[in-house]
N, C-alpha and C. Protein backbone atom coordinates (compact mmCIF):
# COMPACT_ATOMS: atom_id res chain seq x y z
N UNK A 1 -14.01 -45.03 11.78
CA UNK A 1 -14.56 -43.60 11.99
C UNK A 1 -13.50 -43.07 12.81
N UNK A 2 -13.09 -43.72 13.97
CA UNK A 2 -12.09 -42.91 14.87
C UNK A 2 -10.41 -42.64 14.09
N UNK A 3 -10.47 -43.78 13.33
CA UNK A 3 -9.03 -43.67 12.81
C UNK A 3 -9.08 -42.52 12.04
N UNK A 4 -10.19 -42.18 11.21
CA UNK A 4 -10.56 -41.25 10.53
C UNK A 4 -10.32 -39.68 10.95
N UNK A 5 -11.18 -39.62 12.01
CA UNK A 5 -10.88 -38.46 13.22
C UNK A 5 -9.56 -38.37 13.62
N UNK A 6 -8.92 -39.65 13.83
CA UNK A 6 -7.46 -39.25 14.47
C UNK A 6 -6.55 -38.57 13.67
N UNK A 7 -6.80 -39.31 12.14
CA UNK A 7 -6.08 -38.67 11.13
C UNK A 7 -6.42 -37.28 10.81
N UNK A 8 -7.58 -36.92 10.89
CA UNK A 8 -7.94 -35.65 10.76
C UNK A 8 -7.63 -34.59 11.48
N UNK A 9 -7.64 -35.08 12.82
CA UNK A 9 -6.84 -34.16 13.93
C UNK A 9 -5.51 -34.07 13.50
N UNK A 10 -4.65 -35.06 13.29
CA UNK A 10 -3.59 -35.00 13.05
C UNK A 10 -2.86 -34.00 12.20
N UNK A 11 -3.89 -34.30 11.13
CA UNK A 11 -3.26 -33.41 9.78
C UNK A 11 -3.72 -31.96 10.07
N UNK A 12 -4.61 -31.90 10.93
CA UNK A 12 -5.11 -30.16 11.16
C UNK A 12 -3.96 -29.94 12.04
N UNK A 13 -3.72 -30.56 13.11
CA UNK A 13 -2.70 -30.07 14.08
C UNK A 13 -1.25 -29.72 13.29
N UNK A 14 -0.77 -30.59 12.33
CA UNK A 14 0.20 -30.19 11.42
C UNK A 14 0.43 -29.04 10.69
N UNK A 15 -1.03 -28.68 9.91
CA UNK A 15 -1.50 -27.66 9.53
C UNK A 15 -1.29 -26.38 9.84
N UNK A 16 -1.81 -26.41 11.38
CA UNK A 16 -1.84 -25.30 12.27
C UNK A 16 -0.12 -24.96 12.68
N UNK A 17 0.26 -26.04 13.37
CA UNK A 17 1.83 -26.09 13.44
C UNK A 17 2.38 -24.95 12.71
N UNK A 18 2.43 -25.55 11.20
CA UNK A 18 2.92 -25.05 10.34
C UNK A 18 2.95 -23.70 9.93
N UNK A 19 1.72 -23.41 9.93
CA UNK A 19 1.22 -21.82 9.66
C UNK A 19 1.87 -21.31 11.03
N UNK A 20 1.90 -21.61 12.12
CA UNK A 20 2.17 -20.69 13.27
C UNK A 20 3.79 -20.75 13.27
N UNK A 21 4.60 -21.68 12.54
CA UNK A 21 6.16 -21.71 12.21
C UNK A 21 6.11 -20.58 11.29
N UNK A 22 5.40 -20.60 10.01
CA UNK A 22 5.81 -19.80 9.01
C UNK A 22 5.63 -18.39 9.40
N UNK A 23 4.48 -18.08 10.31
CA UNK A 23 4.21 -16.66 10.79
C UNK A 23 5.68 -16.46 11.48
N UNK A 24 6.01 -17.38 12.39
CA UNK A 24 7.20 -16.80 13.62
C UNK A 24 8.63 -16.45 12.17
N UNK A 25 8.59 -17.32 11.36
CA UNK A 25 9.91 -17.06 10.31
C UNK A 25 9.71 -16.11 9.51
N UNK A 26 8.42 -15.73 9.36
CA UNK A 26 8.11 -14.62 8.19
C UNK A 26 8.33 -13.03 8.89
N UNK A 27 7.82 -12.98 10.10
CA UNK A 27 8.46 -12.14 11.03
C UNK A 27 9.49 -11.65 11.56
N UNK A 28 10.44 -12.89 11.91
CA UNK A 28 11.90 -12.47 12.03
C UNK A 28 12.45 -12.13 10.83
N UNK A 29 12.12 -12.64 9.62
CA UNK A 29 12.89 -11.88 8.46
C UNK A 29 12.47 -10.77 8.39
N UNK A 30 11.55 -9.81 8.93
CA UNK A 30 11.13 -8.37 8.63
C UNK A 30 12.36 -7.66 9.45
N UNK A 31 13.09 -6.95 8.51
CA UNK A 31 14.04 -5.95 9.33
C UNK A 31 13.34 -5.01 10.63
N UNK A 32 13.99 -4.80 11.66
CA UNK A 32 13.18 -4.30 12.68
C UNK A 32 12.91 -2.88 12.45
N UNK A 33 13.78 -2.10 11.34
CA UNK A 33 13.07 -0.93 11.12
C UNK A 33 11.98 -0.91 10.38
N UNK A 34 11.54 -1.72 9.84
CA UNK A 34 10.15 -1.92 9.20
C UNK A 34 9.01 -2.38 9.97
N UNK A 35 9.22 -2.91 10.71
CA UNK A 35 8.04 -3.50 12.04
C UNK A 35 6.86 -2.53 12.04
N UNK A 36 7.40 -1.50 12.78
CA UNK A 36 6.22 -0.53 13.08
C UNK A 36 5.47 -0.12 11.56
N UNK A 37 6.18 0.09 10.57
CA UNK A 37 5.42 0.67 9.39
C UNK A 37 4.69 -0.80 8.88
N UNK A 38 5.00 -2.02 9.21
CA UNK A 38 4.12 -2.80 8.46
C UNK A 38 3.30 -3.49 9.62
N UNK A 39 3.06 -2.75 10.30
CA UNK A 39 2.29 -3.19 11.66
C UNK A 39 0.69 -3.34 11.06
N UNK A 40 0.02 -2.77 10.39
CA UNK A 40 -1.06 -2.80 9.69
C UNK A 40 -1.31 -4.31 8.75
N UNK A 41 -0.18 -4.25 8.24
CA UNK A 41 0.00 -5.71 7.20
C UNK A 41 -0.17 -7.00 8.41
N UNK A 42 0.87 -6.67 9.33
CA UNK A 42 0.94 -7.91 10.33
C UNK A 42 -0.13 -7.96 11.14
N UNK A 43 -1.04 -7.14 11.66
CA UNK A 43 -2.26 -6.98 12.37
C UNK A 43 -3.46 -7.72 11.31
N UNK A 44 -3.23 -7.69 10.14
CA UNK A 44 -4.41 -8.63 9.28
C UNK A 44 -4.03 -9.98 9.16
N UNK A 45 -2.89 -10.44 9.63
CA UNK A 45 -2.26 -11.69 9.63
C UNK A 45 -3.12 -12.09 11.43
N UNK A 46 -2.79 -11.21 12.07
CA UNK A 46 -2.82 -11.33 13.64
C UNK A 46 -4.77 -11.83 13.67
N UNK A 47 -5.57 -11.07 12.95
CA UNK A 47 -6.95 -10.87 12.87
C UNK A 47 -7.29 -12.19 11.97
N UNK A 48 -6.44 -12.75 11.03
CA UNK A 48 -6.68 -13.95 10.51
C UNK A 48 -6.67 -14.92 11.21
N UNK A 49 -5.72 -15.23 12.23
CA UNK A 49 -5.20 -16.35 13.17
C UNK A 49 -6.45 -16.11 14.61
N UNK A 50 -6.90 -15.03 14.88
CA UNK A 50 -7.61 -14.86 16.00
C UNK A 50 -8.61 -16.17 16.19
N UNK A 51 -9.55 -16.17 15.21
CA UNK A 51 -10.37 -17.14 15.25
C UNK A 51 -10.00 -18.49 16.03
N UNK A 52 -8.96 -18.99 15.78
CA UNK A 52 -8.36 -20.15 16.10
C UNK A 52 -7.98 -20.09 17.38
N UNK A 53 -7.71 -18.81 18.28
CA UNK A 53 -7.62 -18.77 19.17
C UNK A 53 -9.13 -18.76 20.27
N UNK A 54 -10.00 -18.63 19.71
CA UNK A 54 -11.15 -18.53 20.65
C UNK A 54 -12.59 -19.38 19.87
N UNK A 55 -12.75 -19.27 18.75
CA UNK A 55 -14.05 -19.90 18.07
C UNK A 55 -13.39 -21.34 17.41
N UNK A 56 -12.66 -21.42 16.94
CA UNK A 56 -12.17 -22.81 16.33
C UNK A 56 -11.85 -23.83 17.08
N UNK A 57 -12.36 -25.26 16.68
CA UNK A 57 -11.98 -26.10 17.38
C UNK A 57 -11.38 -27.24 16.45
N UNK A 58 -10.72 -28.21 16.77
CA UNK A 58 -10.02 -29.53 16.20
C UNK A 58 -11.06 -29.97 15.25
N UNK A 59 -12.53 -30.03 15.57
CA UNK A 59 -13.52 -30.46 14.61
C UNK A 59 -14.32 -29.41 14.02
N UNK A 60 -13.94 -27.79 13.79
CA UNK A 60 -14.69 -27.42 13.48
C UNK A 60 -14.73 -27.50 11.41
N UNK A 61 -15.84 -27.36 11.12
CA UNK A 61 -16.13 -27.47 9.60
C UNK A 61 -15.38 -26.60 8.70
N UNK A 62 -15.28 -25.34 9.03
CA UNK A 62 -14.65 -24.46 8.43
C UNK A 62 -12.82 -24.34 8.75
N UNK A 63 -12.47 -25.33 8.92
CA UNK A 63 -10.87 -25.13 9.17
C UNK A 63 -10.06 -25.06 8.02
N UNK A 64 -10.38 -25.75 6.93
CA UNK A 64 -9.86 -25.51 5.78
C UNK A 64 -9.87 -24.04 5.08
N UNK A 65 -11.20 -23.32 5.07
CA UNK A 65 -11.01 -21.99 4.55
C UNK A 65 -10.54 -21.09 5.73
N UNK A 66 -10.66 -21.35 6.94
CA UNK A 66 -9.70 -20.49 7.85
C UNK A 66 -8.25 -20.72 7.59
N UNK A 67 -7.55 -22.08 7.12
CA UNK A 67 -6.13 -22.09 7.06
C UNK A 67 -6.05 -21.38 5.76
N UNK A 68 -6.87 -21.34 4.92
CA UNK A 68 -6.71 -20.60 3.39
C UNK A 68 -6.43 -19.07 4.01
N UNK A 69 -7.29 -18.59 4.39
CA UNK A 69 -7.50 -17.38 4.86
C UNK A 69 -6.12 -16.95 5.56
N UNK A 70 -5.61 -17.77 6.12
CA UNK A 70 -4.21 -17.16 7.12
C UNK A 70 -3.19 -17.33 5.96
N UNK A 71 -2.88 -18.39 5.35
CA UNK A 71 -2.13 -18.47 4.05
C UNK A 71 -2.11 -17.33 2.97
N UNK A 72 -3.44 -16.75 2.68
CA UNK A 72 -3.27 -15.80 2.11
C UNK A 72 -3.02 -14.59 2.49
N UNK A 73 -3.09 -14.21 4.09
CA UNK A 73 -2.70 -13.05 4.63
C UNK A 73 -0.86 -13.07 4.85
N UNK A 74 -0.57 -14.47 5.04
CA UNK A 74 0.76 -14.53 5.03
C UNK A 74 1.26 -14.45 3.89
N UNK A 75 0.66 -14.93 2.93
CA UNK A 75 1.41 -14.85 1.36
C UNK A 75 1.74 -12.96 1.12
N UNK A 76 0.31 -12.46 1.37
CA UNK A 76 0.53 -11.02 1.19
C UNK A 76 1.37 -10.28 1.77
N UNK A 77 1.80 -10.48 3.34
CA UNK A 77 2.44 -10.06 4.13
C UNK A 77 4.29 -10.45 3.71
N UNK A 78 4.49 -11.68 2.96
CA UNK A 78 5.69 -11.80 2.53
C UNK A 78 5.94 -11.11 0.98
N UNK A 79 5.17 -10.76 0.36
CA UNK A 79 5.09 -9.94 -0.84
C UNK A 79 5.30 -8.41 -0.42
N UNK A 80 4.82 -8.03 0.21
CA UNK A 80 4.90 -6.81 0.71
C UNK A 80 6.48 -6.61 1.49
N UNK A 81 6.68 -7.51 2.42
CA UNK A 81 8.24 -7.18 3.33
C UNK A 81 9.27 -7.50 2.01
N UNK A 82 8.81 -8.33 0.98
CA UNK A 82 10.08 -8.48 0.14
C UNK A 82 10.05 -7.09 -0.74
N UNK A 83 8.87 -6.55 -1.16
CA UNK A 83 8.93 -5.05 -1.90
C UNK A 83 9.71 -4.25 -1.27
N UNK A 84 9.38 -4.03 -0.12
CA UNK A 84 10.12 -3.12 0.94
C UNK A 84 11.50 -3.58 0.99
N UNK A 85 11.88 -4.89 1.34
CA UNK A 85 13.44 -4.90 1.46
C UNK A 85 14.04 -4.66 0.07
N UNK A 86 13.22 -4.87 -0.80
CA UNK A 86 14.10 -4.58 -2.41
C UNK A 86 14.13 -3.09 -2.25
N UNK A 87 13.47 -2.15 -2.31
CA UNK A 87 13.46 -1.00 -2.30
C UNK A 87 14.36 -0.29 -1.57
N UNK A 88 14.62 -0.84 -0.36
CA UNK A 88 15.37 -0.13 0.59
C UNK A 88 16.77 -0.70 0.26
N UNK A 89 16.84 -1.88 -0.18
CA UNK A 89 18.24 -2.40 -0.59
C UNK A 89 18.82 -1.53 -1.73
N UNK A 90 17.92 -1.17 -2.89
CA UNK A 90 18.43 -0.80 -3.98
C UNK A 90 18.62 0.99 -3.54
N UNK A 91 17.54 1.41 -2.65
CA UNK A 91 18.06 2.86 -2.69
C UNK A 91 19.45 3.01 -1.80
N UNK A 92 19.66 2.16 -0.73
CA UNK A 92 20.74 2.29 0.15
C UNK A 92 21.86 1.84 -0.60
N UNK A 93 21.66 0.96 -1.54
CA UNK A 93 23.05 0.72 -2.71
C UNK A 93 23.60 1.98 -3.03
N UNK A 94 22.27 2.62 -4.15
CA UNK A 94 22.67 3.51 -4.44
C UNK A 94 23.51 4.73 -3.70
N UNK A 95 22.83 5.14 -2.55
CA UNK A 95 23.48 6.09 -1.46
C UNK A 95 24.60 5.78 -1.19
N UNK A 96 25.16 4.61 -1.18
CA UNK A 96 26.49 3.97 -0.67
C UNK A 96 27.16 4.45 -1.99
N UNK A 97 26.80 4.09 -2.91
CA UNK A 97 27.69 4.18 -4.23
C UNK A 97 28.07 5.61 -4.24
N UNK A 98 26.84 6.58 -4.21
CA UNK A 98 27.03 8.07 -4.33
C UNK A 98 28.39 8.45 -3.39
N UNK A 99 28.07 7.80 -2.10
CA UNK A 99 29.05 8.54 -0.96
C UNK A 99 30.66 7.73 -1.61
N UNK A 100 30.76 6.70 -1.92
CA UNK A 100 31.98 5.79 -2.21
C UNK A 100 32.33 6.90 -3.42
N UNK A 101 31.61 7.37 -4.13
CA UNK A 101 32.35 8.36 -5.46
C UNK A 101 32.33 9.69 -4.89
N UNK A 102 32.03 10.13 -3.81
CA UNK A 102 32.25 11.30 -3.71
C UNK A 102 33.28 11.93 -2.86
N UNK A 103 34.59 12.53 -3.35
CA UNK A 103 35.67 12.89 -2.95
C UNK A 103 35.35 13.75 -1.75
N UNK A 104 36.16 13.62 -0.83
CA UNK A 104 35.86 14.59 0.71
C UNK A 104 36.26 15.80 0.28
N UNK A 105 37.13 16.03 -0.35
CA UNK A 105 37.54 17.50 -0.71
C UNK A 105 38.12 17.61 -2.27
N UNK A 106 38.25 18.47 -2.79
CA UNK A 106 38.75 18.71 -4.02
C UNK A 106 39.59 19.77 -3.82
N UNK A 107 41.27 19.55 -4.04
CA UNK A 107 42.06 20.61 -3.56
C UNK A 107 42.87 21.26 -5.00
N UNK A 108 42.47 22.25 -5.70
CA UNK A 108 43.21 22.61 -6.96
C UNK A 108 44.83 22.49 -6.33
N UNK A 109 45.60 22.11 -7.61
CA UNK A 109 46.94 21.98 -7.58
C UNK A 109 47.71 23.18 -7.80
N UNK A 110 47.10 24.20 -8.33
CA UNK A 110 47.91 25.04 -8.65
C UNK A 110 47.89 26.39 -7.64
N UNK A 111 47.01 26.08 -6.36
CA UNK A 111 46.92 27.10 -5.27
C UNK A 111 47.53 26.62 -4.05
N UNK A 112 48.02 27.35 -3.10
CA UNK A 112 48.61 27.13 -1.81
C UNK A 112 47.76 27.55 -0.79
N UNK A 113 46.89 27.45 0.15
CA UNK A 113 46.08 27.58 1.11
C UNK A 113 46.69 27.64 2.59
N UNK A 114 45.91 28.75 2.95
CA UNK A 114 46.37 28.83 4.46
C UNK A 114 45.26 27.59 5.31
N UNK A 115 45.75 27.37 6.43
CA UNK A 115 44.97 26.35 7.24
C UNK A 115 43.60 26.64 7.24
N UNK A 116 43.23 27.76 8.06
CA UNK A 116 41.63 28.80 7.80
C UNK A 116 41.20 28.62 6.28
N UNK A 117 41.85 28.66 5.19
CA UNK A 117 41.22 28.93 4.12
C UNK A 117 40.95 27.15 3.90
N UNK A 118 41.64 26.60 3.98
CA UNK A 118 41.38 24.93 3.77
C UNK A 118 40.54 24.54 4.38
N UNK A 119 40.46 24.74 5.68
CA UNK A 119 39.26 24.22 6.63
C UNK A 119 37.98 25.01 6.20
N UNK A 120 37.75 26.18 5.78
CA UNK A 120 36.35 26.61 5.37
C UNK A 120 36.13 26.10 3.63
N UNK A 121 37.02 25.72 2.71
CA UNK A 121 36.85 25.26 1.70
C UNK A 121 36.27 23.68 2.21
N UNK A 122 37.03 22.87 2.74
CA UNK A 122 36.69 21.82 3.16
C UNK A 122 35.17 21.60 3.57
N UNK A 123 34.73 22.74 4.45
CA UNK A 123 33.22 22.62 5.50
C UNK A 123 32.60 22.89 4.45
N UNK A 124 32.47 23.91 3.59
CA UNK A 124 31.54 24.13 2.29
C UNK A 124 31.45 23.19 1.52
N UNK A 125 32.68 22.66 0.82
CA UNK A 125 32.26 21.41 0.00
C UNK A 125 31.54 19.80 0.71
N UNK A 126 32.11 20.06 2.16
CA UNK A 126 31.32 18.77 2.98
C UNK A 126 29.80 19.05 3.12
N UNK A 127 29.59 20.25 3.17
CA UNK A 127 27.96 20.64 3.43
C UNK A 127 27.35 20.33 1.75
N UNK A 128 27.84 20.97 0.99
CA UNK A 128 27.56 20.79 -0.37
C UNK A 128 27.21 19.20 -0.76
N UNK A 129 28.25 18.64 -0.63
CA UNK A 129 28.20 17.03 -0.66
C UNK A 129 27.42 16.44 0.13
N UNK A 130 27.00 16.53 1.49
CA UNK A 130 26.03 16.13 2.34
C UNK A 130 24.58 16.72 1.63
N UNK A 131 24.32 17.52 1.11
CA UNK A 131 23.03 18.51 0.80
C UNK A 131 22.77 17.43 -0.71
N UNK A 132 23.75 16.97 -1.63
CA UNK A 132 23.70 16.08 -2.93
C UNK A 132 23.40 14.56 -2.40
N UNK A 133 23.72 14.15 -1.39
CA UNK A 133 23.56 13.07 -0.77
C UNK A 133 22.15 12.85 -0.08
N UNK A 134 21.89 13.94 0.44
CA UNK A 134 20.57 14.07 1.22
C UNK A 134 19.13 13.91 -0.03
N UNK A 135 19.60 14.99 -1.10
CA UNK A 135 18.54 14.62 -2.44
C UNK A 135 18.24 13.29 -2.77
N UNK A 136 19.38 12.52 -2.68
CA UNK A 136 19.47 11.37 -3.44
C UNK A 136 18.66 10.24 -2.79
N UNK A 137 18.86 10.56 -1.22
CA UNK A 137 17.87 9.40 -0.38
C UNK A 137 16.48 9.94 -0.41
N UNK A 138 16.13 10.90 -0.85
CA UNK A 138 14.77 11.33 -0.92
C UNK A 138 13.61 10.27 -1.77
């Protein structure tokens, strides 16, 4: 019986250690710009972990359901993080492609421009390109 208890306690220790390690790795994978926005989802994981800090013990009967709840919340966090990162990457990639395809200024070859005229045309076209890119980012 002592051997079984020792094995159970070691198994529980390993499970809880793995949970905390998975949690830390997952939080580190979240881009810093999304941490605040993902706060409520991270809080759900923290809430799932909270009973282990105060109520649970090594011999608690509901340790299995406790760890399952945490893993469910960790999986949910990972799914949301992957979706957000994918959406961000796709949007960022499309904006970068649009920027790289946008000429700085188009100069008609049949006209000669004074410096002031060229600067005015450059400023106007730059503003128009900025507006187009801003619309793509929405």
